[in-house]
Each structure stands twice: as structure tokens, then as C-alpha cells.
PDB file of N, CA and C in Angstrom:
ATOM      1  N   MET A   1      74.486 -94.146 146.450  1.00  0.00           N
ATOM      2  CA  MET A   1      75.666 -94.870 146.855  1.00  0.00           C
ATOM      3  C   MET A   1      76.803 -93.876 147.019  1.00  0.00           C
ATOM      4  N   ASP A   2      77.561 -94.017 148.084  1.00  0.00           N
ATOM      5  CA  ASP A   2      78.709 -93.163 148.351  1.00  0.00           C
ATOM      6  C   ASP A   2      79.911 -93.748 147.614  1.00  0.00           C
ATOM      7  N   SER A   3      80.217 -93.207 146.447  1.00  0.00           N
ATOM      8  CA  SER A   3      81.264 -93.782 145.605  1.00  0.00           C
ATOM      9  C   SER A   3      82.657 -93.611 146.202  1.00  0.00           C
ATOM     10  N   ASP A   4      82.888 -92.534 146.956  1.00  0.00           N
ATOM     11  CA  ASP A   4      84.205 -92.339 147.572  1.00  0.00           C
ATOM     12  C   ASP A   4      84.483 -93.413 148.626  1.00  0.00           C
ATOM     13  N   SER A   5      83.506 -93.692 149.468  1.00  0.00           N
ATOM     14  CA  SER A   5      83.676 -94.740 150.488  1.00  0.00           C
ATOM     15  C   SER A   5      83.826 -96.107 149.831  1.00  0.00           C
ATOM     16  N   PHE A   6      83.066 -96.334 148.778  1.00  0.00           N
ATOM     17  CA  PHE A   6      83.172 -97.602 148.049  1.00  0.00           C
ATOM     18  C   PHE A   6      84.586 -97.769 147.502  1.00  0.00           C
ATOM     19  N   ARG A   7      85.108 -96.717 146.894  1.00  0.00           N
ATOM     20  CA  ARG A   7      86.453 -96.752 146.320  1.00  0.00           C
ATOM     21  C   ARG A   7      87.498 -97.002 147.418  1.00  0.00           C
ATOM     22  N   THR A   8      87.342 -96.323 148.559  1.00  0.00           N
ATOM     23  CA  THR A   8      88.283 -96.493 149.672  1.00  0.00           C
ATOM     24  C   THR A   8      88.265 -97.923 150.188  1.00  0.00           C
ATOM     25  N   GLU A   9      87.079 -98.474 150.402  1.00  0.00           N
ATOM     26  CA  GLU A   9      86.956 -99.863 150.876  1.00  0.00           C
ATOM     27  C   GLU A   9      87.550-100.845 149.865  1.00  0.00           C
ATOM     28  N   LEU A  10      87.345-100.580 148.591  1.00  0.00           N
ATOM     29  CA  LEU A  10      87.886-101.454 147.550  1.00  0.00           C
ATOM     30  C   LEU A  10      89.409-101.413 147.555  1.00  0.00           C
ATOM     31  N   GLN A  11      89.978-100.220 147.734  1.00  0.00           N
ATOM     32  CA  GLN A  11      91.439-100.093 147.767  1.00  0.00           C
ATOM     33  C   GLN A  11      92.042-100.766 148.995  1.00  0.00           C
ATOM     34  N   ARG A  12      91.302-100.853 150.087  1.00  0.00           N
ATOM     35  CA  ARG A  12      91.779-101.495 151.315  1.00  0.00           C
ATOM     36  C   ARG A  12      91.537-103.007 151.320  1.00  0.00           C
ATOM     37  N   SER A  13      90.802-103.500 150.353  1.00  0.00           N
ATOM     38  CA  SER A  13      90.436-104.921 150.352  1.00  0.00           C
ATOM     39  C   SER A  13      91.629-105.802 149.990  1.00  0.00           C
ATOM     40  N   ALA A  14      91.505-107.069 150.330  1.00  0.00           N
ATOM     41  CA  ALA A  14      92.564-108.046 150.028  1.00  0.00           C
ATOM     42  C   ALA A  14      92.737-108.220 148.527  1.00  0.00           C
ATOM     43  N   LEU A  15      91.722-107.905 147.778  1.00  0.00           N
ATOM     44  CA  LEU A  15      91.792-108.024 146.323  1.00  0.00           C
ATOM     45  C   LEU A  15      92.881-107.128 145.755  1.00  0.00           C
ATOM     46  N   LEU A  16      93.027-105.927 146.296  1.00  0.00           N
ATOM     47  CA  LEU A  16      94.038-105.003 145.792  1.00  0.00           C
ATOM     48  C   LEU A  16      95.292-104.957 146.661  1.00  0.00           C
ATOM     49  N   VAL A  17      95.158-105.238 147.955  1.00  0.00           N
ATOM     50  CA  VAL A  17      96.315-105.183 148.854  1.00  0.00           C
ATOM     51  C   VAL A  17      97.243-106.379 148.630  1.00  0.00           C
ATOM     52  N   SER A  18      96.688-107.561 148.624  1.00  0.00           N
ATOM     53  CA  SER A  18      97.514-108.770 148.433  1.00  0.00           C
ATOM     54  C   SER A  18      96.758-109.769 147.559  1.00  0.00           C
ATOM     55  N   PRO A  19      96.732-109.521 146.252  1.00  0.00           N
ATOM     56  CA  PRO A  19      96.001-110.424 145.357  1.00  0.00           C
ATOM     57  C   PRO A  19      96.699-111.789 145.266  1.00  0.00           C
ATOM     58  N   PRO A  20      95.923-112.852 145.195  1.00  0.00           N
ATOM     59  CA  PRO A  20      96.526-114.186 145.076  1.00  0.00           C
ATOM     60  C   PRO A  20      97.150-114.392 143.696  1.00  0.00           C
ATOM     61  N   ASP A  21      98.095-115.324 143.625  1.00  0.00           N
ATOM     62  CA  ASP A  21      98.781-115.608 142.357  1.00  0.00           C
ATOM     63  C   ASP A  21      97.981-116.560 141.476  1.00  0.00           C
ATOM     64  N   ASN A  22      97.150-117.374 142.071  1.00  0.00           N
ATOM     65  CA  ASN A  22      96.352-118.351 141.345  1.00  0.00           C
ATOM     66  C   ASN A  22      95.127-117.644 140.749  1.00  0.00           C
ATOM     67  N   VAL A  23      94.852-117.903 139.485  1.00  0.00           N
ATOM     68  CA  VAL A  23      93.744-117.256 138.784  1.00  0.00           C
ATOM     69  C   VAL A  23      92.402-117.633 139.399  1.00  0.00           C
ATOM     70  N   ASP A  24      92.215-118.893 139.757  1.00  0.00           N
ATOM     71  CA  ASP A  24      90.947-119.327 140.344  1.00  0.00           C
ATOM     72  C   ASP A  24      90.687-118.635 141.680  1.00  0.00           C
ATOM     73  N   GLU A  25      91.734-118.518 142.494  1.00  0.00           N
ATOM     74  CA  GLU A  25      91.594-117.831 143.779  1.00  0.00           C
ATOM     75  C   GLU A  25      91.321-116.340 143.569  1.00  0.00           C
ATOM     76  N   LEU A  26      91.977-115.764 142.554  1.00  0.00           N
ATOM     77  CA  LEU A  26      91.777-114.342 142.247  1.00  0.00           C
ATOM     78  C   LEU A  26      90.331-114.074 141.829  1.00  0.00           C
ATOM     79  N   VAL A  27      89.773-114.938 140.996  1.00  0.00           N
ATOM     80  CA  VAL A  27      88.382-114.779 140.558  1.00  0.00           C
ATOM     81  C   VAL A  27      87.432-114.939 141.736  1.00  0.00           C
ATOM     82  N   ALA A  28      87.692-115.916 142.587  1.00  0.00           N
ATOM     83  CA  ALA A  28      86.837-116.129 143.760  1.00  0.00           C
ATOM     84  C   ALA A  28      86.904-114.933 144.703  1.00  0.00           C
ATOM     85  N   LEU A  29      88.126-114.400 144.925  1.00  0.00           N
ATOM     86  CA  LEU A  29      88.286-113.229 145.791  1.00  0.00           C
ATOM     87  C   LEU A  29      87.624-112.001 145.163  1.00  0.00           C
ATOM     88  N   TYR A  30      87.765-111.862 143.845  1.00  0.00           N
ATOM     89  CA  TYR A  30      87.131-110.754 143.121  1.00  0.00           C
ATOM     90  C   TYR A  30      85.616-110.797 143.319  1.00  0.00           C
ATOM     91  N   ASN A  31      85.021-111.969 143.103  1.00  0.00           N
ATOM     92  CA  ASN A  31      83.568-112.120 143.244  1.00  0.00           C
ATOM     93  C   ASN A  31      83.109-111.859 144.670  1.00  0.00           C
ATOM     94  N   SER A  32      83.808-112.423 145.641  1.00  0.00           N
ATOM     95  CA  SER A  32      83.378-112.254 147.034  1.00  0.00           C
ATOM     96  C   SER A  32      83.571-110.817 147.514  1.00  0.00           C
ATOM     97  N   THR A  33      84.676-110.182 147.112  1.00  0.00           N
ATOM     98  CA  THR A  33      84.932-108.795 147.531  1.00  0.00           C
ATOM     99  C   THR A  33      83.887-107.858 146.946  1.00  0.00           C
ATOM    100  N   LEU A  34      83.656-107.957 145.660  1.00  0.00           N
ATOM    101  CA  LEU A  34      82.679-107.059 145.028  1.00  0.00           C
ATOM    102  C   LEU A  34      81.267-107.326 145.524  1.00  0.00           C
ATOM    103  N   THR A  35      80.925-108.582 145.747  1.00  0.00           N
ATOM    104  CA  THR A  35      79.595-108.903 146.280  1.00  0.00           C
ATOM    105  C   THR A  35      79.411-108.301 147.665  1.00  0.00           C
ATOM    106  N   ALA A  36      80.434-108.445 148.514  1.00  0.00           N
ATOM    107  CA  ALA A  36      80.348-107.897 149.873  1.00  0.00           C
ATOM    108  C   ALA A  36      80.256-106.372 149.848  1.00  0.00           C
ATOM    109  N   LEU A  37      81.060-105.732 149.002  1.00  0.00           N
ATOM    110  CA  LEU A  37      81.033-104.264 148.938  1.00  0.00           C
ATOM    111  C   LEU A  37      79.712-103.751 148.362  1.00  0.00           C
ATOM    112  N   LEU A  38      79.211-104.422 147.344  1.00  0.00           N
ATOM    113  CA  LEU A  38      77.930-103.993 146.777  1.00  0.00           C
ATOM    114  C   LEU A  38      76.788-104.216 147.758  1.00  0.00           C
ATOM    115  N   ASP A  39      76.840-105.312 148.517  1.00  0.00           N
ATOM    116  CA  ASP A  39      75.815-105.537 149.542  1.00  0.00           C
ATOM    117  C   ASP A  39      75.871-104.463 150.617  1.00  0.00           C
ATOM    118  N   LYS A  40      77.073-103.973 150.893  1.00  0.00           N
ATOM    119  CA  LYS A  40      77.233-102.949 151.930  1.00  0.00           C
ATOM    120  C   LYS A  40      76.796-101.570 151.432  1.00  0.00           C
ATOM    121  N   PHE A  41      77.235-101.200 150.230  1.00  0.00           N
ATOM    122  CA  PHE A  41      76.997 -99.837 149.748  1.00  0.00           C
ATOM    123  C   PHE A  41      75.763 -99.696 148.855  1.00  0.00           C
ATOM    124  N   ALA A  42      75.363-100.751 148.216  1.00  0.00           N
ATOM    125  CA  ALA A  42      74.185-100.686 147.340  1.00  0.00           C
ATOM    126  C   ALA A  42      73.383-101.969 147.498  1.00  0.00           C
ATOM    127  N   PRO A  43      72.758-102.144 148.655  1.00  0.00           N
ATOM    128  CA  PRO A  43      72.024-103.395 148.884  1.00  0.00           C
ATOM    129  C   PRO A  43      70.818-103.515 147.950  1.00  0.00           C
ATOM    130  N   VAL A  44      70.476-104.742 147.685  1.00  0.00           N
ATOM    131  CA  VAL A  44      69.315-105.014 146.845  1.00  0.00           C
ATOM    132  C   VAL A  44      68.067-104.617 147.621  1.00  0.00           C
ATOM    133  N   LYS A  45      67.201-103.874 146.962  1.00  0.00           N
ATOM    134  CA  LYS A  45      65.957-103.446 147.599  1.00  0.00           C
ATOM    135  C   LYS A  45      64.803-104.214 146.979  1.00  0.00           C
ATOM    136  N   LYS A  46      63.939-104.703 147.832  1.00  0.00           N
ATOM    137  CA  LYS A  46      62.763-105.419 147.343  1.00  0.00           C
ATOM    138  C   LYS A  46      61.665-104.412 147.045  1.00  0.00           C
ATOM    139  N   ARG A  47      61.026-104.595 145.941  1.00  0.00           N
ATOM    140  CA  ARG A  47      59.924-103.735 145.533  1.00  0.00           C
ATOM    141  C   ARG A  47      58.698-104.595 145.281  1.00  0.00           C
ATOM    142  N   CYS A  48      57.564-104.093 145.683  1.00  0.00           N
ATOM    143  CA  CYS A  48      56.304-104.774 145.392  1.00  0.00           C
ATOM    144  C   CYS A  48      55.713-104.157 144.133  1.00  0.00           C
ATOM    145  N   ILE A  49      55.463-104.979 143.185  1.00  0.00           N
ATOM    146  CA  ILE A  49      54.864-104.523 141.936  1.00  0.00           C
ATOM    147  C   ILE A  49      53.490-105.159 141.836  1.00  0.00           C
ATOM    148  N   THR A  50      52.501-104.326 141.705  1.00  0.00           N
ATOM    149  CA  THR A  50      51.137-104.817 141.592  1.00  0.00           C
ATOM    150  C   THR A  50      50.822-105.049 140.118  1.00  0.00           C
ATOM    151  N   GLU A  51      50.522-106.279 139.802  1.00  0.00           N
ATOM    152  CA  GLU A  51      50.133-106.586 138.434  1.00  0.00           C
ATOM    153  C   GLU A  51      48.631-106.458 138.319  1.00  0.00           C
ATOM    154  N   ARG A  52      48.231-105.701 137.359  1.00  0.00           N
ATOM    155  CA  ARG A  52      46.806-105.527 137.125  1.00  0.00           C
ATOM    156  C   ARG A  52      46.422-106.322 135.883  1.00  0.00           C
ATOM    157  N   PRO A  53      45.282-106.956 135.935  1.00  0.00           N
ATOM    158  CA  PRO A  53      44.871-107.740 134.765  1.00  0.00           C
ATOM    159  C   PRO A  53      44.586-106.823 133.577  1.00  0.00           C
ATOM    160  N   ASP A  54      44.831-107.361 132.408  1.00  0.00           N
ATOM    161  CA  ASP A  54      44.550-106.595 131.198  1.00  0.00           C
ATOM    162  C   ASP A  54      43.055-106.333 131.087  1.00  0.00           C
ATOM    163  N   THR A  55      42.738-105.139 130.664  1.00  0.00           N
ATOM    164  CA  THR A  55      41.334-104.805 130.465  1.00  0.00           C
ATOM    165  C   THR A  55      41.015-104.955 128.983  1.00  0.00           C
ATOM    166  N   ALA A  56      39.912-105.561 128.705  1.00  0.00           N
ATOM    167  CA  ALA A  56      39.536-105.847 127.321  1.00  0.00           C
ATOM    168  C   ALA A  56      39.253-104.573 126.530  1.00  0.00           C
ATOM    169  N   TRP A  57      38.768-103.554 127.217  1.00  0.00           N
ATOM    170  CA  TRP A  57      38.390-102.329 126.517  1.00  0.00           C
ATOM    171  C   TRP A  57      39.584-101.426 126.232  1.00  0.00           C
ATOM    172  N   PHE A  58      40.750-101.680 126.860  1.00  0.00           N
ATOM    173  CA  PHE A  58      41.921-100.829 126.647  1.00  0.00           C
ATOM    174  C   PHE A  58      42.652-101.309 125.397  1.00  0.00           C
ATOM    175  N   THR A  59      42.112-100.929 124.267  1.00  0.00           N
ATOM    176  CA  THR A  59      42.601-101.385 122.975  1.00  0.00           C
ATOM    177  C   THR A  59      43.821-100.570 122.541  1.00  0.00           C
ATOM    178  N   PRO A  60      44.526-101.025 121.515  1.00  0.00           N
ATOM    179  CA  PRO A  60      45.656-100.235 120.999  1.00  0.00           C
ATOM    180  C   PRO A  60      45.228 -98.833 120.554  1.00  0.00           C
ATOM    181  N   GLU A  61      43.996 -98.716 120.075  1.00  0.00           N
ATOM    182  CA  GLU A  61      43.491 -97.399 119.665  1.00  0.00           C
ATOM    183  C   GLU A  61      43.368 -96.467 120.873  1.00  0.00           C
ATOM    184  N   VAL A  62      42.873 -96.992 121.985  1.00  0.00           N
ATOM    185  CA  VAL A  62      42.768 -96.195 123.215  1.00  0.00           C
ATOM    186  C   VAL A  62      44.162 -95.850 123.722  1.00  0.00           C
ATOM    187  N   ARG A  63      45.062 -96.811 123.695  1.00  0.00           N
ATOM    188  CA  ARG A  63      46.432 -96.589 124.152  1.00  0.00           C
ATOM    189  C   ARG A  63      47.101 -95.506 123.306  1.00  0.00           C
ATOM    190  N   LYS A  64      46.838 -95.528 122.003  1.00  0.00           N
ATOM    191  CA  LYS A  64      47.428 -94.550 121.098  1.00  0.00           C
ATOM    192  C   LYS A  64      46.895 -93.147 121.373  1.00  0.00           C
ATOM    193  N   SER A  65      45.682 -93.050 121.893  1.00  0.00           N
ATOM    194  CA  SER A  65      45.081 -91.737 122.137  1.00  0.00           C
ATOM    195  C   SER A  65      45.717 -91.018 123.323  1.00  0.00           C
ATOM    196  N   ARG A  66      46.588 -91.686 124.062  1.00  0.00           N
ATOM    197  CA  ARG A  66      47.228 -91.058 125.218  1.00  0.00           C
ATOM    198  C   ARG A  66      48.557 -90.407 124.838  1.00  0.00           C
ATOM    199  N   LEU A  67      48.702 -90.013 123.605  1.00  0.00           N
ATOM    200  CA  LEU A  67      49.939 -89.394 123.143  1.00  0.00           C
ATOM    201  C   LEU A  67      50.074 -87.981 123.692  1.00  0.00           C
ATOM    202  N   GLU A  68      51.304 -87.510 123.777  1.00  0.00           N
ATOM    203  CA  GLU A  68      51.589 -86.156 124.263  1.00  0.00           C
ATOM    204  C   GLU A  68      50.985 -85.111 123.325  1.00  0.00           C
ATOM    205  N   VAL A  69      50.964 -85.392 122.038  1.00  0.00           N
ATOM    206  CA  VAL A  69      50.369 -84.460 121.075  1.00  0.00           C
ATOM    207  C   VAL A  69      48.898 -84.247 121.396  1.00  0.00           C
ATOM    208  N   ASP A  70      48.200 -85.330 121.718  1.00  0.00           N
ATOM    209  CA  ASP A  70      46.783 -85.216 122.065  1.00  0.00           C
ATOM    210  C   ASP A  70      46.599 -84.393 123.334  1.00  0.00           C
ATOM    211  N   ARG A  71      47.499 -84.563 124.290  1.00  0.00           N
ATOM    212  CA  ARG A  71      47.427 -83.789 125.534  1.00  0.00           C
ATOM    213  C   ARG A  71      47.631 -82.296 125.246  1.00  0.00           C
ATOM    214  N   GLN A  72      48.578 -81.994 124.366  1.00  0.00           N
ATOM    215  CA  GLN A  72      48.831 -80.593 124.013  1.00  0.00           C
ATOM    216  C   GLN A  72      47.633 -79.990 123.287  1.00  0.00           C
ATOM    217  N   ILE A  73      47.021 -80.745 122.403  1.00  0.00           N
ATOM    218  CA  ILE A  73      45.826 -80.260 121.699  1.00  0.00           C
ATOM    219  C   ILE A  73      44.711 -80.004 122.697  1.00  0.00           C
ATOM    220  N   TYR A  74      44.525 -80.925 123.647  1.00  0.00           N
ATOM    221  CA  TYR A  74      43.498 -80.751 124.679  1.00  0.00           C
ATOM    222  C   TYR A  74      43.752 -79.490 125.485  1.00  0.00           C
ATOM    223  N   ARG A  75      44.991 -79.293 125.927  1.00  0.00           N
ATOM    224  CA  ARG A  75      45.312 -78.108 126.733  1.00  0.00           C
ATOM    225  C   ARG A  75      45.068 -76.822 125.951  1.00  0.00           C
ATOM    226  N   HIS A  76      45.447 -76.814 124.679  1.00  0.00           N
ATOM    227  CA  HIS A  76      45.244 -75.624 123.853  1.00  0.00           C
ATOM    228  C   HIS A  76      43.753 -75.334 123.689  1.00  0.00           C
ATOM    229  N   THR A  77      42.977 -76.376 123.401  1.00  0.00           N
ATOM    230  CA  THR A  77      41.531 -76.209 123.228  1.00  0.00           C
ATOM    231  C   THR A  77      40.873 -75.769 124.525  1.00  0.00           C
ATOM    232  N   ARG A  78      41.293 -76.351 125.655  1.00  0.00           N
ATOM    233  CA  ARG A  78      40.765 -75.963 126.964  1.00  0.00           C
ATOM    234  C   ARG A  78      41.081 -74.498 127.249  1.00  0.00           C
ATOM    235  N   SER A  79      42.276 -74.057 126.910  1.00  0.00           N
ATOM    236  CA  SER A  79      42.674 -72.665 127.119  1.00  0.00           C
ATOM    237  C   SER A  79      41.818 -71.728 126.272  1.00  0.00           C
ATOM    238  N   GLN A  80      41.584 -72.108 125.026  1.00  0.00           N
ATOM    239  CA  GLN A  80      40.726 -71.294 124.159  1.00  0.00           C
ATOM    240  C   GLN A  80      39.318 -71.210 124.726  1.00  0.00           C
ATOM    241  N   CYS A  81      38.779 -72.320 125.170  1.00  0.00           N
ATOM    242  CA  CYS A  81      37.430 -72.355 125.732  1.00  0.00           C
ATOM    243  C   CYS A  81      37.349 -71.474 126.974  1.00  0.00           C
ATOM    244  N   SER A  82      38.344 -71.565 127.844  1.00  0.00           N
ATOM    245  CA  SER A  82      38.357 -70.735 129.054  1.00  0.00           C
ATOM    246  C   SER A  82      38.397 -69.258 128.700  1.00  0.00           C
ATOM    247  N   ALA A  83      39.184 -68.900 127.696  1.00  0.00           N
ATOM    248  CA  ALA A  83      39.266 -67.501 127.273  1.00  0.00           C
ATOM    249  C   ALA A  83      37.922 -67.015 126.744  1.00  0.00           C
ATOM    250  N   ILE A  84      37.227 -67.852 125.984  1.00  0.00           N
ATOM    251  CA  ILE A  84      35.907 -67.482 125.463  1.00  0.00           C
ATOM    252  C   ILE A  84      34.923 -67.284 126.607  1.00  0.00           C
ATOM    253  N   ILE A  85      34.962 -68.164 127.613  1.00  0.00           N
ATOM    254  CA  ILE A  85      34.060 -68.048 128.766  1.00  0.00           C
ATOM    255  C   ILE A  85      34.338 -66.772 129.542  1.00  0.00           C
ATOM    256  N   VAL A  86      35.606 -66.466 129.783  1.00  0.00           N
ATOM    257  CA  VAL A  86      35.964 -65.244 130.517  1.00  0.00           C
ATOM    258  C   VAL A  86      35.499 -64.013 129.750  1.00  0.00           C
ATOM    259  N   LYS A  87      35.703 -64.018 128.441  1.00  0.00           N
ATOM    260  CA  LYS A  87      35.289 -62.876 127.620  1.00  0.00           C
ATOM    261  C   LYS A  87      33.768 -62.718 127.646  1.00  0.00           C
ATOM    262  N   ALA A  88      33.035 -63.825 127.505  1.00  0.00           N
ATOM    263  CA  ALA A  88      31.572 -63.764 127.510  1.00  0.00           C
ATOM    264  C   ALA A  88      31.051 -63.289 128.857  1.00  0.00           C
ATOM    265  N   ARG A  89      31.643 -63.761 129.947  1.00  0.00           N
ATOM    266  CA  ARG A  89      31.212 -63.355 131.279  1.00  0.00           C
ATOM    267  C   ARG A  89      31.456 -61.859 131.498  1.00  0.00           C
ATOM    268  N   SER A  90      32.633 -61.388 131.125  1.00  0.00           N
ATOM    269  CA  SER A  90      32.914 -59.963 131.332  1.00  0.00           C
ATOM    270  C   SER A  90      32.038 -59.095 130.435  1.00  0.00           C
ATOM    271  N   GLN A  91      31.764 -59.552 129.214  1.00  0.00           N
ATOM    272  CA  GLN A  91      30.868 -58.811 128.328  1.00  0.00           C
ATOM    273  C   GLN A  91      29.459 -58.753 128.915  1.00  0.00           C
ATOM    274  N   TYR A  92      28.998 -59.856 129.462  1.00  0.00           N
ATOM    275  CA  TYR A  92      27.678 -59.921 130.077  1.00  0.00           C
ATOM    276  C   TYR A  92      27.569 -58.932 131.234  1.00  0.00           C
ATOM    277  N   VAL A  93      28.561 -58.955 132.110  1.00  0.00           N
ATOM    278  CA  VAL A  93      28.543 -58.056 133.266  1.00  0.00           C
ATOM    279  C   VAL A  93      28.618 -56.605 132.809  1.00  0.00           C
ATOM    280  N   MET A  94      29.457 -56.319 131.815  1.00  0.00           N
ATOM    281  CA  MET A  94      29.569 -54.940 131.314  1.00  0.00           C
ATOM    282  C   MET A  94      28.245 -54.476 130.709  1.00  0.00           C
ATOM    283  N   ASN A  95      27.562 -55.350 129.978  1.00  0.00           N
ATOM    284  CA  ASN A  95      26.266 -54.979 129.395  1.00  0.00           C
ATOM    285  C   ASN A  95      25.238 -54.681 130.480  1.00  0.00           C
ATOM    286  N   ILE A  96      25.203 -55.517 131.502  1.00  0.00           N
ATOM    287  CA  ILE A  96      24.250 -55.291 132.594  1.00  0.00           C
ATOM    288  C   ILE A  96      24.571 -53.996 133.324  1.00  0.00           C
ATOM    289  N   LEU A  97      25.857 -53.777 133.606  1.00  0.00           N
ATOM    290  CA  LEU A  97      26.246 -52.553 134.317  1.00  0.00           C
ATOM    291  C   LEU A  97      25.988 -51.310 133.476  1.00  0.00           C
ATOM    292  N   SER A  98      26.235 -51.382 132.181  1.00  0.00           N
ATOM    293  CA  SER A  98      25.995 -50.206 131.332  1.00  0.00           C
ATOM    294  C   SER A  98      24.501 -49.907 131.209  1.00  0.00           C
ATOM    295  N   SER A  99      23.655 -50.947 131.252  1.00  0.00           N
ATOM    296  CA  SER A  99      22.216 -50.698 131.195  1.00  0.00           C
ATOM    297  C   SER A  99      21.684 -50.198 132.535  1.00  0.00           C
ATOM    298  N   ALA A 100      22.413 -50.446 133.621  1.00  0.00           N
ATOM    299  CA  ALA A 100      21.959 -50.033 134.947  1.00  0.00           C
ATOM    300  C   ALA A 100      22.654 -48.764 135.427  1.00  0.00           C
ATOM    301  N   VAL A 101      23.386 -48.087 134.577  1.00  0.00           N
ATOM    302  CA  VAL A 101      24.149 -46.893 134.977  1.00  0.00           C
ATOM    303  C   VAL A 101      23.244 -45.781 135.491  1.00  0.00           C
ATOM    304  N   SER A 102      22.100 -45.597 134.894  1.00  0.00           N
ATOM    305  CA  SER A 102      21.220 -44.492 135.296  1.00  0.00           C
ATOM    306  C   SER A 102      20.416 -44.818 136.556  1.00  0.00           C
ATOM    307  N   ASP A 103      20.228 -46.079 136.864  1.00  0.00           N
ATOM    308  CA  ASP A 103      19.421 -46.478 138.017  1.00  0.00           C
ATOM    309  C   ASP A 103      20.340 -47.094 139.076  1.00  0.00           C
ATOM    310  N   SER A 104      20.603 -46.341 140.157  1.00  0.00           N
ATOM    311  CA  SER A 104      21.543 -46.809 141.178  1.00  0.00           C
ATOM    312  C   SER A 104      21.023 -48.058 141.897  1.00  0.00           C
ATOM    313  N   ARG A 105      19.711 -48.159 142.089  1.00  0.00           N
ATOM    314  CA  ARG A 105      19.146 -49.336 142.753  1.00  0.00           C
ATOM    315  C   ARG A 105      19.422 -50.588 141.910  1.00  0.00           C
ATOM    316  N   LYS A 106      19.212 -50.479 140.613  1.00  0.00           N
ATOM    317  CA  LYS A 106      19.458 -51.592 139.706  1.00  0.00           C
ATOM    318  C   LYS A 106      20.960 -51.934 139.675  1.00  0.00           C
ATOM    319  N   MET A 107      21.796 -50.885 139.730  1.00  0.00           N
ATOM    320  CA  MET A 107      23.247 -51.068 139.720  1.00  0.00           C
ATOM    321  C   MET A 107      23.692 -51.863 140.945  1.00  0.00           C
ATOM    322  N   PHE A 108      23.214 -51.484 142.135  1.00  0.00           N
ATOM    323  CA  PHE A 108      23.590 -52.202 143.352  1.00  0.00           C
ATOM    324  C   PHE A 108      23.015 -53.618 143.356  1.00  0.00           C
ATOM    325  N   ALA A 109      21.846 -53.811 142.772  1.00  0.00           N
ATOM    326  CA  ALA A 109      21.275 -55.156 142.679  1.00  0.00           C
ATOM    327  C   ALA A 109      22.169 -56.043 141.813  1.00  0.00           C
ATOM    328  N   VAL A 110      22.715 -55.472 140.744  1.00  0.00           N
ATOM    329  CA  VAL A 110      23.616 -56.230 139.871  1.00  0.00           C
ATOM    330  C   VAL A 110      24.909 -56.556 140.609  1.00  0.00           C
ATOM    331  N   VAL A 111      25.485 -55.559 141.274  1.00  0.00           N
ATOM    332  CA  VAL A 111      26.763 -55.754 141.963  1.00  0.00           C
ATOM    333  C   VAL A 111      26.612 -56.717 143.133  1.00  0.00           C
ATOM    334  N   ASN A 112      25.549 -56.583 143.917  1.00  0.00           N
ATOM    335  CA  ASN A 112      25.359 -57.436 145.087  1.00  0.00           C
ATOM    336  C   ASN A 112      24.751 -58.793 144.742  1.00  0.00           C
ATOM    337  N   GLY A 113      24.161 -58.912 143.560  1.00  0.00           N
ATOM    338  CA  GLY A 113      23.455 -60.138 143.184  1.00  0.00           C
ATOM    339  C   GLY A 113      24.322 -61.387 143.158  1.00  0.00           C
ATOM    340  N   PRO A 114      24.894 -61.728 142.043  1.00  0.00           N
ATOM    341  CA  PRO A 114      25.594 -63.003 141.935  1.00  0.00           C
ATOM    342  C   PRO A 114      26.907 -63.064 142.724  1.00  0.00           C
ATOM    343  N   TRP A 115      27.496 -61.929 143.037  1.00  0.00           N
ATOM    344  CA  TRP A 115      28.799 -61.920 143.706  1.00  0.00           C
ATOM    345  C   TRP A 115      28.689 -61.753 145.210  1.00  0.00           C
ATOM    346  N   GLY A 116      27.501 -61.573 145.734  1.00  0.00           N
ATOM    347  CA  GLY A 116      27.321 -61.380 147.174  1.00  0.00           C
ATOM    348  C   GLY A 116      27.579 -59.941 147.557  1.00  0.00           C
ATOM    349  N   LYS A 117      27.316 -59.617 148.789  1.00  0.00           N
ATOM    350  CA  LYS A 117      27.495 -58.240 149.252  1.00  0.00           C
ATOM    351  C   LYS A 117      28.968 -57.973 149.453  1.00  0.00           C
ATOM    352  N   MET A 118      29.381 -56.798 149.006  1.00  0.00           N
ATOM    353  CA  MET A 118      30.796 -56.427 149.131  1.00  0.00           C
ATOM    354  C   MET A 118      30.966 -55.380 150.193  1.00  0.00           C
TER     355      MET A 118
END
């Protein structure tokens, strides 16, 4: 919403330029002026909300398991697991390469094998 334009329009309105002396007329003018300005600057938007039926299996225990703490624990454990896999893979490749150091044919078979030809 453009608050400066809203303020300008409000200051130019009959509500502030020439307010009525009667309280009932003032309230009616207040309501109509603000309604018109809000409709102009901040119109009501319709939203479609899809209601999904409750699932019987989504118990409070399951709902509780979606906590941020659980997500952080999962991420930490996943990171540890990935680090272990990377370490094991590099150790495996280093062991194969160190055993094939004396035999160049075996060395190239290791290098070209699982990783494709380079």
C-alpha cells in the first residue's frame, strides 16, 4: 500500500476538509471515506484455501517429531555420515593406488575403471 498517497487522499477528503457538525453524519462520513480509501489503496483479495481432511495416522506424536531440534539433529547426523563415506572412499582409492604403484597397467586400470577414461 502506498501510504503517502493514502495520506494525501485522506487529507483532501471531505472528512478533513469540511467535517459535518452532526456526530451521526461525521461517523457516517468517516466510515464511507475510510471504506472508499481502503478499497482503493488496499482492496480485499480473495484467496483460495484448500482444506485437506485430517489423516488418522498423523498423530500428535508424529506432529511433535517435526520439531526444529529434530531437523538439526538429522542434519548433523547426515553430515557426519557423509564425512565418514568420503573418508572411507578416499581411503579405499588410496589403498588401491598404493598397491598398484609398481604396476602401471594396474594403476591405469584403477584410474580408468570406476571414474571413466580421463
